Amino acid sequence: MAFKFENLKVWQASLDLADDVDKLAQTFPKHELYSLSSQIKRAADSVSLNIVEGSTGLSNLEFKRFLRIANRSALEVVGCLFLAKRRNYIGNDDFNKFYLQIETLVKMLQSLINSIKD
């Protein structure tokens, strides 16, 4: 693997989330195509993209900053999930599955952030 981020388990988990969210968003009503569907997909993609951008040889402080942005994007996905659930686009089972997946990802991000020396 050529790039540092490719070896990060948290990055690989973020790709899984992005793929899963993309599939989920395709089930939302058509009138949400340019709003909630787009928002949840962009937030999920942002997690992996910020991990990549932060890993590009910047200082440790910069890497941590991008990881924190990735963390916020993951939480934005949770916010979108709550909206989707309230609007009856997803049921409790899907909500709980994604919630757990994101909770695990956020813990991984936080562990990586805590492991990086300033």
PDB file of N, CA and C in Angstrom:
ATOM      1  N   MET A   1       0.846  -1.177   0.000  1.00  0.00           N
ATOM      2  CA  MET A   1       0.000   0.000   0.000  1.00  0.00           C
ATOM      3  C   MET A   1       0.892   1.241   0.000  1.00  0.00           C
ATOM      4  N   ALA A   2       0.555   2.149  -0.857  1.00  0.00           N
ATOM      5  CA  ALA A   2       1.427   3.284  -1.117  1.00  0.00           C
ATOM      6  C   ALA A   2       1.236   4.450  -0.148  1.00  0.00           C
ATOM      7  N   PHE A   3       0.057   4.599   0.391  1.00  0.00           N
ATOM      8  CA  PHE A   3      -0.226   5.764   1.217  1.00  0.00           C
ATOM      9  C   PHE A   3      -0.492   5.352   2.660  1.00  0.00           C
ATOM     10  N   LYS A   4      -0.081   6.224   3.564  1.00  0.00           N
ATOM     11  CA  LYS A   4      -0.189   5.974   5.005  1.00  0.00           C
ATOM     12  C   LYS A   4      -1.623   5.618   5.432  1.00  0.00           C
ATOM     13  N   PHE A   5      -2.597   6.335   4.917  1.00  0.00           N
ATOM     14  CA  PHE A   5      -3.984   6.132   5.350  1.00  0.00           C
ATOM     15  C   PHE A   5      -4.524   4.757   4.997  1.00  0.00           C
ATOM     16  N   GLU A   6      -3.981   4.128   3.962  1.00  0.00           N
ATOM     17  CA  GLU A   6      -4.511   2.844   3.511  1.00  0.00           C
ATOM     18  C   GLU A   6      -4.364   1.741   4.560  1.00  0.00           C
ATOM     19  N   ASN A   7      -3.414   1.901   5.460  1.00  0.00           N
ATOM     20  CA  ASN A   7      -3.190   0.908   6.514  1.00  0.00           C
ATOM     21  C   ASN A   7      -4.029   1.174   7.768  1.00  0.00           C
ATOM     22  N   LEU A   8      -4.713   2.289   7.804  1.00  0.00           N
ATOM     23  CA  LEU A   8      -5.483   2.648   8.996  1.00  0.00           C
ATOM     24  C   LEU A   8      -6.826   1.906   9.008  1.00  0.00           C
ATOM     25  N   LYS A   9      -7.059   1.148  10.066  1.00  0.00           N
ATOM     26  CA  LYS A   9      -8.329   0.419  10.192  1.00  0.00           C
ATOM     27  C   LYS A   9      -9.514   1.383  10.255  1.00  0.00           C
ATOM     28  N   VAL A  10      -9.289   2.542  10.842  1.00  0.00           N
ATOM     29  CA  VAL A  10     -10.364   3.523  10.952  1.00  0.00           C
ATOM     30  C   VAL A  10     -10.740   4.042   9.565  1.00  0.00           C
ATOM     31  N   TRP A  11      -9.781   4.169   8.674  1.00  0.00           N
ATOM     32  CA  TRP A  11     -10.085   4.603   7.313  1.00  0.00           C
ATOM     33  C   TRP A  11     -10.874   3.513   6.586  1.00  0.00           C
ATOM     34  N   GLN A  12     -10.458   2.273   6.757  1.00  0.00           N
ATOM     35  CA  GLN A  12     -11.176   1.165   6.128  1.00  0.00           C
ATOM     36  C   GLN A  12     -12.613   1.081   6.653  1.00  0.00           C
ATOM     37  N   ALA A  13     -12.792   1.312   7.942  1.00  0.00           N
ATOM     38  CA  ALA A  13     -14.140   1.317   8.527  1.00  0.00           C
ATOM     39  C   ALA A  13     -14.960   2.491   7.984  1.00  0.00           C
ATOM     40  N   SER A  14     -14.300   3.613   7.735  1.00  0.00           N
ATOM     41  CA  SER A  14     -15.013   4.775   7.195  1.00  0.00           C
ATOM     42  C   SER A  14     -15.480   4.518   5.761  1.00  0.00           C
ATOM     43  N   LEU A  15     -14.714   3.743   5.006  1.00  0.00           N
ATOM     44  CA  LEU A  15     -15.147   3.362   3.658  1.00  0.00           C
ATOM     45  C   LEU A  15     -16.388   2.476   3.720  1.00  0.00           C
ATOM     46  N   ASP A  16     -16.394   1.553   4.672  1.00  0.00           N
ATOM     47  CA  ASP A  16     -17.571   0.693   4.858  1.00  0.00           C
ATOM     48  C   ASP A  16     -18.801   1.532   5.168  1.00  0.00           C
ATOM     49  N   LEU A  17     -18.628   2.509   6.052  1.00  0.00           N
ATOM     50  CA  LEU A  17     -19.747   3.386   6.399  1.00  0.00           C
ATOM     51  C   LEU A  17     -20.242   4.136   5.165  1.00  0.00           C
ATOM     52  N   ALA A  18     -19.324   4.694   4.394  1.00  0.00           N
ATOM     53  CA  ALA A  18     -19.717   5.453   3.199  1.00  0.00           C
ATOM     54  C   ALA A  18     -20.497   4.573   2.220  1.00  0.00           C
ATOM     55  N   ASP A  19     -20.039   3.357   2.019  1.00  0.00           N
ATOM     56  CA  ASP A  19     -20.749   2.431   1.126  1.00  0.00           C
ATOM     57  C   ASP A  19     -22.131   2.081   1.662  1.00  0.00           C
ATOM     58  N   ASP A  20     -22.201   1.800   2.957  1.00  0.00           N
ATOM     59  CA  ASP A  20     -23.480   1.432   3.568  1.00  0.00           C
ATOM     60  C   ASP A  20     -24.471   2.595   3.530  1.00  0.00           C
ATOM     61  N   VAL A  21     -23.983   3.798   3.801  1.00  0.00           N
ATOM     62  CA  VAL A  21     -24.853   4.981   3.782  1.00  0.00           C
ATOM     63  C   VAL A  21     -25.332   5.263   2.357  1.00  0.00           C
ATOM     64  N   ASP A  22     -24.466   5.058   1.383  1.00  0.00           N
ATOM     65  CA  ASP A  22     -24.872   5.262  -0.003  1.00  0.00           C
ATOM     66  C   ASP A  22     -26.050   4.344  -0.357  1.00  0.00           C
ATOM     67  N   LYS A  23     -25.945   3.091   0.037  1.00  0.00           N
ATOM     68  CA  LYS A  23     -27.046   2.141  -0.226  1.00  0.00           C
ATOM     69  C   LYS A  23     -28.315   2.558   0.511  1.00  0.00           C
ATOM     70  N   LEU A  24     -28.149   2.990   1.758  1.00  0.00           N
ATOM     71  CA  LEU A  24     -29.306   3.415   2.543  1.00  0.00           C
ATOM     72  C   LEU A  24     -29.986   4.625   1.915  1.00  0.00           C
ATOM     73  N   ALA A  25     -29.201   5.603   1.508  1.00  0.00           N
ATOM     74  CA  ALA A  25     -29.759   6.845   0.954  1.00  0.00           C
ATOM     75  C   ALA A  25     -30.543   6.587  -0.330  1.00  0.00           C
ATOM     76  N   GLN A  26     -30.193   5.540  -1.033  1.00  0.00           N
ATOM     77  CA  GLN A  26     -30.920   5.200  -2.257  1.00  0.00           C
ATOM     78  C   GLN A  26     -32.348   4.749  -1.973  1.00  0.00           C
ATOM     79  N   THR A  27     -32.621   4.385  -0.720  1.00  0.00           N
ATOM     80  CA  THR A  27     -33.972   3.955  -0.349  1.00  0.00           C
ATOM     81  C   THR A  27     -34.848   5.119   0.107  1.00  0.00           C
ATOM     82  N   PHE A  28     -34.260   6.294   0.297  1.00  0.00           N
ATOM     83  CA  PHE A  28     -35.030   7.458   0.735  1.00  0.00           C
ATOM     84  C   PHE A  28     -35.959   7.911  -0.399  1.00  0.00           C
ATOM     85  N   PRO A  29     -37.020   8.610  -0.052  1.00  0.00           N
ATOM     86  CA  PRO A  29     -37.943   9.106  -1.089  1.00  0.00           C
ATOM     87  C   PRO A  29     -37.220  10.029  -2.079  1.00  0.00           C
ATOM     88  N   LYS A  30     -37.712  10.044  -3.286  1.00  0.00           N
ATOM     89  CA  LYS A  30     -37.101  10.855  -4.355  1.00  0.00           C
ATOM     90  C   LYS A  30     -37.057  12.342  -3.998  1.00  0.00           C
ATOM     91  N   HIS A  31     -38.048  12.830  -3.258  1.00  0.00           N
ATOM     92  CA  HIS A  31     -38.048  14.256  -2.933  1.00  0.00           C
ATOM     93  C   HIS A  31     -36.910  14.631  -1.977  1.00  0.00           C
ATOM     94  N   GLU A  32     -36.224  13.639  -1.410  1.00  0.00           N
ATOM     95  CA  GLU A  32     -35.076  13.895  -0.535  1.00  0.00           C
ATOM     96  C   GLU A  32     -33.740  13.833  -1.297  1.00  0.00           C
ATOM     97  N   LEU A  33     -33.797  13.602  -2.599  1.00  0.00           N
ATOM     98  CA  LEU A  33     -32.580  13.404  -3.389  1.00  0.00           C
ATOM     99  C   LEU A  33     -31.577  14.539  -3.208  1.00  0.00           C
ATOM    100  N   TYR A  34     -32.037  15.779  -3.197  1.00  0.00           N
ATOM    101  CA  TYR A  34     -31.124  16.914  -3.095  1.00  0.00           C
ATOM    102  C   TYR A  34     -31.073  17.513  -1.695  1.00  0.00           C
ATOM    103  N   SER A  35     -31.645  16.817  -0.752  1.00  0.00           N
ATOM    104  CA  SER A  35     -31.575  17.315   0.625  1.00  0.00           C
ATOM    105  C   SER A  35     -31.007  16.230   1.533  1.00  0.00           C
ATOM    106  N   LEU A  36     -31.836  15.502   2.244  1.00  0.00           N
ATOM    107  CA  LEU A  36     -31.324  14.566   3.245  1.00  0.00           C
ATOM    108  C   LEU A  36     -30.474  13.454   2.627  1.00  0.00           C
ATOM    109  N   SER A  37     -30.888  12.929   1.483  1.00  0.00           N
ATOM    110  CA  SER A  37     -30.084  11.873   0.833  1.00  0.00           C
ATOM    111  C   SER A  37     -28.685  12.384   0.511  1.00  0.00           C
ATOM    112  N   SER A  38     -28.634  13.552  -0.070  1.00  0.00           N
ATOM    113  CA  SER A  38     -27.344  14.152  -0.420  1.00  0.00           C
ATOM    114  C   SER A  38     -26.526  14.473   0.822  1.00  0.00           C
ATOM    115  N   GLN A  39     -27.167  15.018   1.823  1.00  0.00           N
ATOM    116  CA  GLN A  39     -26.467  15.427   3.047  1.00  0.00           C
ATOM    117  C   GLN A  39     -25.842  14.245   3.776  1.00  0.00           C
ATOM    118  N   ILE A  40     -26.595  13.178   3.929  1.00  0.00           N
ATOM    119  CA  ILE A  40     -26.073  12.024   4.673  1.00  0.00           C
ATOM    120  C   ILE A  40     -24.926  11.373   3.898  1.00  0.00           C
ATOM    121  N   LYS A  41     -25.038  11.333   2.564  1.00  0.00           N
ATOM    122  CA  LYS A  41     -23.964  10.753   1.762  1.00  0.00           C
ATOM    123  C   LYS A  41     -22.702  11.615   1.828  1.00  0.00           C
ATOM    124  N   ARG A  42     -22.861  12.938   1.739  1.00  0.00           N
ATOM    125  CA  ARG A  42     -21.697  13.827   1.809  1.00  0.00           C
ATOM    126  C   ARG A  42     -21.025  13.750   3.177  1.00  0.00           C
ATOM    127  N   ALA A  43     -21.819  13.661   4.232  1.00  0.00           N
ATOM    128  CA  ALA A  43     -21.253  13.556   5.577  1.00  0.00           C
ATOM    129  C   ALA A  43     -20.481  12.251   5.745  1.00  0.00           C
ATOM    130  N   ALA A  44     -21.049  11.158   5.258  1.00  0.00           N
ATOM    131  CA  ALA A  44     -20.367   9.856   5.373  1.00  0.00           C
ATOM    132  C   ALA A  44     -19.085   9.835   4.553  1.00  0.00           C
ATOM    133  N   ASP A  45     -19.136  10.378   3.332  1.00  0.00           N
ATOM    134  CA  ASP A  45     -17.928  10.446   2.506  1.00  0.00           C
ATOM    135  C   ASP A  45     -16.865  11.325   3.158  1.00  0.00           C
ATOM    136  N   SER A  46     -17.296  12.372   3.817  1.00  0.00           N
ATOM    137  CA  SER A  46     -16.378  13.315   4.448  1.00  0.00           C
ATOM    138  C   SER A  46     -15.522  12.662   5.530  1.00  0.00           C
ATOM    139  N   VAL A  47     -16.047  11.647   6.180  1.00  0.00           N
ATOM    140  CA  VAL A  47     -15.271  10.963   7.222  1.00  0.00           C
ATOM    141  C   VAL A  47     -13.996  10.399   6.610  1.00  0.00           C
ATOM    142  N   SER A  48     -14.139   9.595   5.579  1.00  0.00           N
ATOM    143  CA  SER A  48     -12.954   8.976   4.973  1.00  0.00           C
ATOM    144  C   SER A  48     -12.061  10.003   4.297  1.00  0.00           C
ATOM    145  N   LEU A  49     -12.660  10.990   3.652  1.00  0.00           N
ATOM    146  CA  LEU A  49     -11.860  11.984   2.931  1.00  0.00           C
ATOM    147  C   LEU A  49     -11.033  12.854   3.878  1.00  0.00           C
ATOM    148  N   ASN A  50     -11.555  13.149   5.054  1.00  0.00           N
ATOM    149  CA  ASN A  50     -10.770  13.926   6.021  1.00  0.00           C
ATOM    150  C   ASN A  50      -9.642  13.102   6.622  1.00  0.00           C
ATOM    151  N   ILE A  51      -9.856  11.820   6.800  1.00  0.00           N
ATOM    152  CA  ILE A  51      -8.769  10.953   7.265  1.00  0.00           C
ATOM    153  C   ILE A  51      -7.648  10.955   6.230  1.00  0.00           C
ATOM    154  N   VAL A  52      -8.019  10.828   4.968  1.00  0.00           N
ATOM    155  CA  VAL A  52      -7.028  10.837   3.887  1.00  0.00           C
ATOM    156  C   VAL A  52      -6.283  12.168   3.855  1.00  0.00           C
ATOM    157  N   GLU A  53      -7.028  13.249   3.841  1.00  0.00           N
ATOM    158  CA  GLU A  53      -6.399  14.567   3.738  1.00  0.00           C
ATOM    159  C   GLU A  53      -5.476  14.855   4.913  1.00  0.00           C
ATOM    160  N   GLY A  54      -5.877  14.435   6.085  1.00  0.00           N
ATOM    161  CA  GLY A  54      -5.061  14.691   7.265  1.00  0.00           C
ATOM    162  C   GLY A  54      -3.806  13.855   7.344  1.00  0.00           C
ATOM    163  N   SER A  55      -3.783  12.761   6.624  1.00  0.00           N
ATOM    164  CA  SER A  55      -2.643  11.845   6.726  1.00  0.00           C
ATOM    165  C   SER A  55      -1.533  12.164   5.732  1.00  0.00           C
ATOM    166  N   THR A  56      -1.630  13.238   5.023  1.00  0.00           N
ATOM    167  CA  THR A  56      -0.718  13.527   3.918  1.00  0.00           C
ATOM    168  C   THR A  56       0.577  14.201   4.342  1.00  0.00           C
ATOM    169  N   GLY A  57       1.169  13.733   5.409  1.00  0.00           N
ATOM    170  CA  GLY A  57       2.477  14.234   5.799  1.00  0.00           C
ATOM    171  C   GLY A  57       2.469  15.560   6.515  1.00  0.00           C
ATOM    172  N   LEU A  58       1.316  15.976   6.967  1.00  0.00           N
ATOM    173  CA  LEU A  58       1.230  17.207   7.727  1.00  0.00           C
ATOM    174  C   LEU A  58       1.755  16.962   9.138  1.00  0.00           C
ATOM    175  N   SER A  59       1.770  17.983   9.931  1.00  0.00           N
ATOM    176  CA  SER A  59       2.189  17.808  11.325  1.00  0.00           C
ATOM    177  C   SER A  59       1.159  16.967  12.073  1.00  0.00           C
ATOM    178  N   ASN A  60       1.568  16.473  13.219  1.00  0.00           N
ATOM    179  CA  ASN A  60       0.648  15.699  14.054  1.00  0.00           C
ATOM    180  C   ASN A  60      -0.563  16.529  14.467  1.00  0.00           C
ATOM    181  N   LEU A  61      -0.328  17.808  14.754  1.00  0.00           N
ATOM    182  CA  LEU A  61      -1.454  18.674  15.131  1.00  0.00           C
ATOM    183  C   LEU A  61      -2.458  18.816  13.987  1.00  0.00           C
ATOM    184  N   GLU A  62      -1.951  18.945  12.771  1.00  0.00           N
ATOM    185  CA  GLU A  62      -2.839  19.043  11.614  1.00  0.00           C
ATOM    186  C   GLU A  62      -3.590  17.740  11.390  1.00  0.00           C
ATOM    187  N   PHE A  63      -2.909  16.619  11.538  1.00  0.00           N
ATOM    188  CA  PHE A  63      -3.558  15.320  11.378  1.00  0.00           C
ATOM    189  C   PHE A  63      -4.689  15.178  12.396  1.00  0.00           C
ATOM    190  N   LYS A  64      -4.413  15.564  13.632  1.00  0.00           N
ATOM    191  CA  LYS A  64      -5.448  15.491  14.667  1.00  0.00           C
ATOM    192  C   LYS A  64      -6.632  16.393  14.312  1.00  0.00           C
ATOM    193  N   ARG A  65      -6.337  17.551  13.746  1.00  0.00           N
ATOM    194  CA  ARG A  65      -7.398  18.484  13.370  1.00  0.00           C
ATOM    195  C   ARG A  65      -8.313  17.839  12.327  1.00  0.00           C
ATOM    196  N   PHE A  66      -7.733  17.200  11.329  1.00  0.00           N
ATOM    197  CA  PHE A  66      -8.542  16.539  10.303  1.00  0.00           C
ATOM    198  C   PHE A  66      -9.303  15.341  10.871  1.00  0.00           C
ATOM    199  N   LEU A  67      -8.705  14.633  11.800  1.00  0.00           N
ATOM    200  CA  LEU A  67      -9.406  13.518  12.438  1.00  0.00           C
ATOM    201  C   LEU A  67     -10.600  14.020  13.242  1.00  0.00           C
ATOM    202  N   ARG A  68     -10.452  15.173  13.855  1.00  0.00           N
ATOM    203  CA  ARG A  68     -11.582  15.756  14.593  1.00  0.00           C
ATOM    204  C   ARG A  68     -12.705  16.173  13.633  1.00  0.00           C
ATOM    205  N   ILE A  69     -12.327  16.676  12.472  1.00  0.00           N
ATOM    206  CA  ILE A  69     -13.332  17.015  11.458  1.00  0.00           C
ATOM    207  C   ILE A  69     -14.037  15.741  10.994  1.00  0.00           C
ATOM    208  N   ALA A  70     -13.269  14.671  10.789  1.00  0.00           N
ATOM    209  CA  ALA A  70     -13.862  13.386  10.419  1.00  0.00           C
ATOM    210  C   ALA A  70     -14.849  12.925  11.489  1.00  0.00           C
ATOM    211  N   ASN A  71     -14.482  13.117  12.736  1.00  0.00           N
ATOM    212  CA  ASN A  71     -15.345  12.749  13.854  1.00  0.00           C
ATOM    213  C   ASN A  71     -16.659  13.534  13.806  1.00  0.00           C
ATOM    214  N   ARG A  72     -16.553  14.824  13.546  1.00  0.00           N
ATOM    215  CA  ARG A  72     -17.762  15.661  13.460  1.00  0.00           C
ATOM    216  C   ARG A  72     -18.645  15.218  12.285  1.00  0.00           C
ATOM    217  N   SER A  73     -18.015  14.835  11.187  1.00  0.00           N
ATOM    218  CA  SER A  73     -18.790  14.350  10.041  1.00  0.00           C
ATOM    219  C   SER A  73     -19.532  13.062  10.386  1.00  0.00           C
ATOM    220  N   ALA A  74     -18.880  12.188  11.140  1.00  0.00           N
ATOM    221  CA  ALA A  74     -19.541  10.952  11.573  1.00  0.00           C
ATOM    222  C   ALA A  74     -20.758  11.284  12.434  1.00  0.00           C
ATOM    223  N   LEU A  75     -20.616  12.261  13.301  1.00  0.00           N
ATOM    224  CA  LEU A  75     -21.752  12.660  14.142  1.00  0.00           C
ATOM    225  C   LEU A  75     -22.851  13.316  13.317  1.00  0.00           C
ATOM    226  N   GLU A  76     -22.468  13.985  12.240  1.00  0.00           N
ATOM    227  CA  GLU A  76     -23.472  14.547  11.342  1.00  0.00           C
ATOM    228  C   GLU A  76     -24.303  13.432  10.704  1.00  0.00           C
ATOM    229  N   VAL A  77     -23.670  12.321  10.382  1.00  0.00           N
ATOM    230  CA  VAL A  77     -24.407  11.175   9.850  1.00  0.00           C
ATOM    231  C   VAL A  77     -25.445  10.713  10.879  1.00  0.00           C
ATOM    232  N   VAL A  78     -25.060  10.693  12.142  1.00  0.00           N
ATOM    233  CA  VAL A  78     -26.010  10.304  13.192  1.00  0.00           C
ATOM    234  C   VAL A  78     -27.200  11.258  13.206  1.00  0.00           C
ATOM    235  N   GLY A  79     -26.925  12.550  13.102  1.00  0.00           N
ATOM    236  CA  GLY A  79     -28.010  13.523  13.050  1.00  0.00           C
ATOM    237  C   GLY A  79     -28.950  13.269  11.885  1.00  0.00           C
ATOM    238  N   CYS A  80     -28.387  12.950  10.743  1.00  0.00           N
ATOM    239  CA  CYS A  80     -29.198  12.625   9.567  1.00  0.00           C
ATOM    240  C   CYS A  80     -30.020  11.361   9.794  1.00  0.00           C
ATOM    241  N   LEU A  81     -29.430  10.391  10.481  1.00  0.00           N
ATOM    242  CA  LEU A  81     -30.165   9.160  10.783  1.00  0.00           C
ATOM    243  C   LEU A  81     -31.380   9.448  11.664  1.00  0.00           C
ATOM    244  N   PHE A  82     -31.205  10.332  12.636  1.00  0.00           N
ATOM    245  CA  PHE A  82     -32.344  10.700  13.483  1.00  0.00           C
ATOM    246  C   PHE A  82     -33.451  11.337  12.643  1.00  0.00           C
ATOM    247  N   LEU A  83     -33.078  12.210  11.712  1.00  0.00           N
ATOM    248  CA  LEU A  83     -34.084  12.821  10.838  1.00  0.00           C
ATOM    249  C   LEU A  83     -34.768  11.769   9.978  1.00  0.00           C
ATOM    250  N   ALA A  84     -33.990  10.865   9.422  1.00  0.00           N
ATOM    251  CA  ALA A  84     -34.559   9.807   8.580  1.00  0.00           C
ATOM    252  C   ALA A  84     -35.515   8.926   9.381  1.00  0.00           C
ATOM    253  N   LYS A  85     -35.156   8.650  10.608  1.00  0.00           N
ATOM    254  CA  LYS A  85     -36.031   7.829  11.461  1.00  0.00           C
ATOM    255  C   LYS A  85     -37.325   8.572  11.786  1.00  0.00           C
ATOM    256  N   ARG A  86     -37.210   9.837  12.123  1.00  0.00           N
ATOM    257  CA  ARG A  86     -38.402  10.633  12.450  1.00  0.00           C
ATOM    258  C   ARG A  86     -39.349  10.766  11.260  1.00  0.00           C
ATOM    259  N   ARG A  87     -38.760  10.770  10.067  1.00  0.00           N
ATOM    260  CA  ARG A  87     -39.566  10.900   8.845  1.00  0.00           C
ATOM    261  C   ARG A  87     -39.999   9.540   8.291  1.00  0.00           C
ATOM    262  N   ASN A  88     -39.715   8.504   9.055  1.00  0.00           N
ATOM    263  CA  ASN A  88     -40.094   7.130   8.691  1.00  0.00           C
ATOM    264  C   ASN A  88     -39.465   6.638   7.387  1.00  0.00           C
ATOM    265  N   TYR A  89     -38.238   7.086   7.120  1.00  0.00           N
ATOM    266  CA  TYR A  89     -37.497   6.579   5.961  1.00  0.00           C
ATOM    267  C   TYR A  89     -36.716   5.329   6.334  1.00  0.00           C
ATOM    268  N   ILE A  90     -36.406   5.188   7.614  1.00  0.00           N
ATOM    269  CA  ILE A  90     -35.713   3.992   8.105  1.00  0.00           C
ATOM    270  C   ILE A  90     -36.411   3.516   9.375  1.00  0.00           C
ATOM    271  N   GLY A  91     -36.309   2.235   9.620  1.00  0.00           N
ATOM    272  CA  GLY A  91     -36.887   1.654  10.824  1.00  0.00           C
ATOM    273  C   GLY A  91     -35.858   1.574  11.940  1.00  0.00           C
ATOM    274  N   ASN A  92     -36.304   1.090  13.072  1.00  0.00           N
ATOM    275  CA  ASN A  92     -35.433   0.972  14.242  1.00  0.00           C
ATOM    276  C   ASN A  92     -34.236   0.058  13.995  1.00  0.00           C
ATOM    277  N   ASP A  93     -34.438  -1.030  13.265  1.00  0.00           N
ATOM    278  CA  ASP A  93     -33.339  -1.965  13.029  1.00  0.00           C
ATOM    279  C   ASP A  93     -32.206  -1.312  12.246  1.00  0.00           C
ATOM    280  N   ASP A  94     -32.549  -0.634  11.147  1.00  0.00           N
ATOM    281  CA  ASP A  94     -31.519   0.063  10.370  1.00  0.00           C
ATOM    282  C   ASP A  94     -30.878   1.178  11.187  1.00  0.00           C
ATOM    283  N   PHE A  95     -31.707   1.928  11.892  1.00  0.00           N
ATOM    284  CA  PHE A  95     -31.169   3.015  12.715  1.00  0.00           C
ATOM    285  C   PHE A  95     -30.153   2.471  13.712  1.00  0.00           C
ATOM    286  N   ASN A  96     -30.529   1.417  14.418  1.00  0.00           N
ATOM    287  CA  ASN A  96     -29.642   0.855  15.445  1.00  0.00           C
ATOM    288  C   ASN A  96     -28.364   0.285  14.841  1.00  0.00           C
ATOM    289  N   LYS A  97     -28.477  -0.351  13.681  1.00  0.00           N
ATOM    290  CA  LYS A  97     -27.301  -0.908  13.003  1.00  0.00           C
ATOM    291  C   LYS A  97     -26.311   0.203  12.650  1.00  0.00           C
ATOM    292  N   PHE A  98     -26.806   1.281  12.049  1.00  0.00           N
ATOM    293  CA  PHE A  98     -25.934   2.389  11.674  1.00  0.00           C
ATOM    294  C   PHE A  98     -25.398   3.122  12.893  1.00  0.00           C
ATOM    295  N   TYR A  99     -26.244   3.292  13.884  1.00  0.00           N
ATOM    296  CA  TYR A  99     -25.820   3.972  15.109  1.00  0.00           C
ATOM    297  C   TYR A  99     -24.635   3.236  15.740  1.00  0.00           C
ATOM    298  N   LEU A 100     -24.737   1.925  15.833  1.00  0.00           N
ATOM    299  CA  LEU A 100     -23.656   1.122  16.398  1.00  0.00           C
ATOM    300  C   LEU A 100     -22.397   1.205  15.535  1.00  0.00           C
ATOM    301  N   GLN A 101     -22.565   1.149  14.233  1.00  0.00           N
ATOM    302  CA  GLN A 101     -21.433   1.244  13.316  1.00  0.00           C
ATOM    303  C   GLN A 101     -20.701   2.581  13.496  1.00  0.00           C
ATOM    304  N   ILE A 102     -21.460   3.655  13.612  1.00  0.00           N
ATOM    305  CA  ILE A 102     -20.849   4.975  13.773  1.00  0.00           C
ATOM    306  C   ILE A 102     -20.250   5.127  15.161  1.00  0.00           C
ATOM    307  N   GLU A 103     -20.910   4.602  16.167  1.00  0.00           N
ATOM    308  CA  GLU A 103     -20.363   4.656  17.520  1.00  0.00           C
ATOM    309  C   GLU A 103     -18.993   3.972  17.559  1.00  0.00           C
ATOM    310  N   THR A 104     -18.867   2.842  16.910  1.00  0.00           N
ATOM    311  CA  THR A 104     -17.588   2.131  16.843  1.00  0.00           C
ATOM    312  C   THR A 104     -16.550   2.957  16.089  1.00  0.00           C
ATOM    313  N   LEU A 105     -16.957   3.546  14.981  1.00  0.00           N
ATOM    314  CA  LEU A 105     -16.051   4.373  14.189  1.00  0.00           C
ATOM    315  C   LEU A 105     -15.576   5.589  14.975  1.00  0.00           C
ATOM    316  N   VAL A 106     -16.469   6.237  15.688  1.00  0.00           N
ATOM    317  CA  VAL A 106     -16.105   7.403  16.497  1.00  0.00           C
ATOM    318  C   VAL A 106     -15.109   7.009  17.590  1.00  0.00           C
ATOM    319  N   LYS A 107     -15.312   5.858  18.200  1.00  0.00           N
ATOM    320  CA  LYS A 107     -14.358   5.381  19.207  1.00  0.00           C
ATOM    321  C   LYS A 107     -12.992   5.130  18.585  1.00  0.00           C
ATOM    322  N   MET A 108     -12.974   4.577  17.383  1.00  0.00           N
ATOM    323  CA  MET A 108     -11.706   4.353  16.687  1.00  0.00           C
ATOM    324  C   MET A 108     -11.014   5.681  16.381  1.00  0.00           C
ATOM    325  N   LEU A 109     -11.778   6.638  15.904  1.00  0.00           N
ATOM    326  CA  LEU A 109     -11.215   7.963  15.621  1.00  0.00           C
ATOM    327  C   LEU A 109     -10.652   8.596  16.887  1.00  0.00           C
ATOM    328  N   GLN A 110     -11.413   8.524  17.966  1.00  0.00           N
ATOM    329  CA  GLN A 110     -10.969   9.127  19.224  1.00  0.00           C
ATOM    330  C   GLN A 110      -9.708   8.442  19.739  1.00  0.00           C
ATOM    331  N   SER A 111      -9.633   7.135  19.606  1.00  0.00           N
ATOM    332  CA  SER A 111      -8.428   6.412  20.028  1.00  0.00           C
ATOM    333  C   SER A 111      -7.217   6.841  19.211  1.00  0.00           C
ATOM    334  N   LEU A 112      -7.414   7.004  17.908  1.00  0.00           N
ATOM    335  CA  LEU A 112      -6.306   7.454  17.062  1.00  0.00           C
ATOM    336  C   LEU A 112      -5.894   8.870  17.431  1.00  0.00           C
ATOM    337  N   ILE A 113      -6.853   9.742  17.632  1.00  0.00           N
ATOM    338  CA  ILE A 113      -6.548  11.109  18.047  1.00  0.00           C
ATOM    339  C   ILE A 113      -5.745  11.116  19.335  1.00  0.00           C
ATOM    340  N   ASN A 114      -6.195  10.316  20.304  1.00  0.00           N
ATOM    341  CA  ASN A 114      -5.505  10.270  21.611  1.00  0.00           C
ATOM    342  C   ASN A 114      -4.111   9.672  21.515  1.00  0.00           C
ATOM    343  N   SER A 115      -3.864   8.843  20.502  1.00  0.00           N
ATOM    344  CA  SER A 115      -2.561   8.197  20.383  1.00  0.00           C
ATOM    345  C   SER A 115      -1.508   9.062  19.706  1.00  0.00           C
ATOM    346  N   ILE A 116      -1.942  10.127  19.068  1.00  0.00           N
ATOM    347  CA  ILE A 116      -1.002  10.988  18.342  1.00  0.00           C
ATOM    348  C   ILE A 116      -0.426  12.037  19.275  1.00  0.00           C
ATOM    349  N   LYS A 117       0.867  12.085  19.325  1.00  0.00           N
ATOM    350  CA  LYS A 117       1.563  13.069  20.156  1.00  0.00           C
ATOM    351  C   LYS A 117       1.524  14.429  19.473  1.00  0.00           C
ATOM    352  N   ASP A 118       1.369  15.466  20.284  1.00  0.00           N
ATOM    353  CA  ASP A 118       1.323  16.847  19.717  1.00  0.00           C
ATOM    354  C   ASP A 118       2.660  17.299  19.264  1.00  0.00           C
TER     355      ASP A 118
END
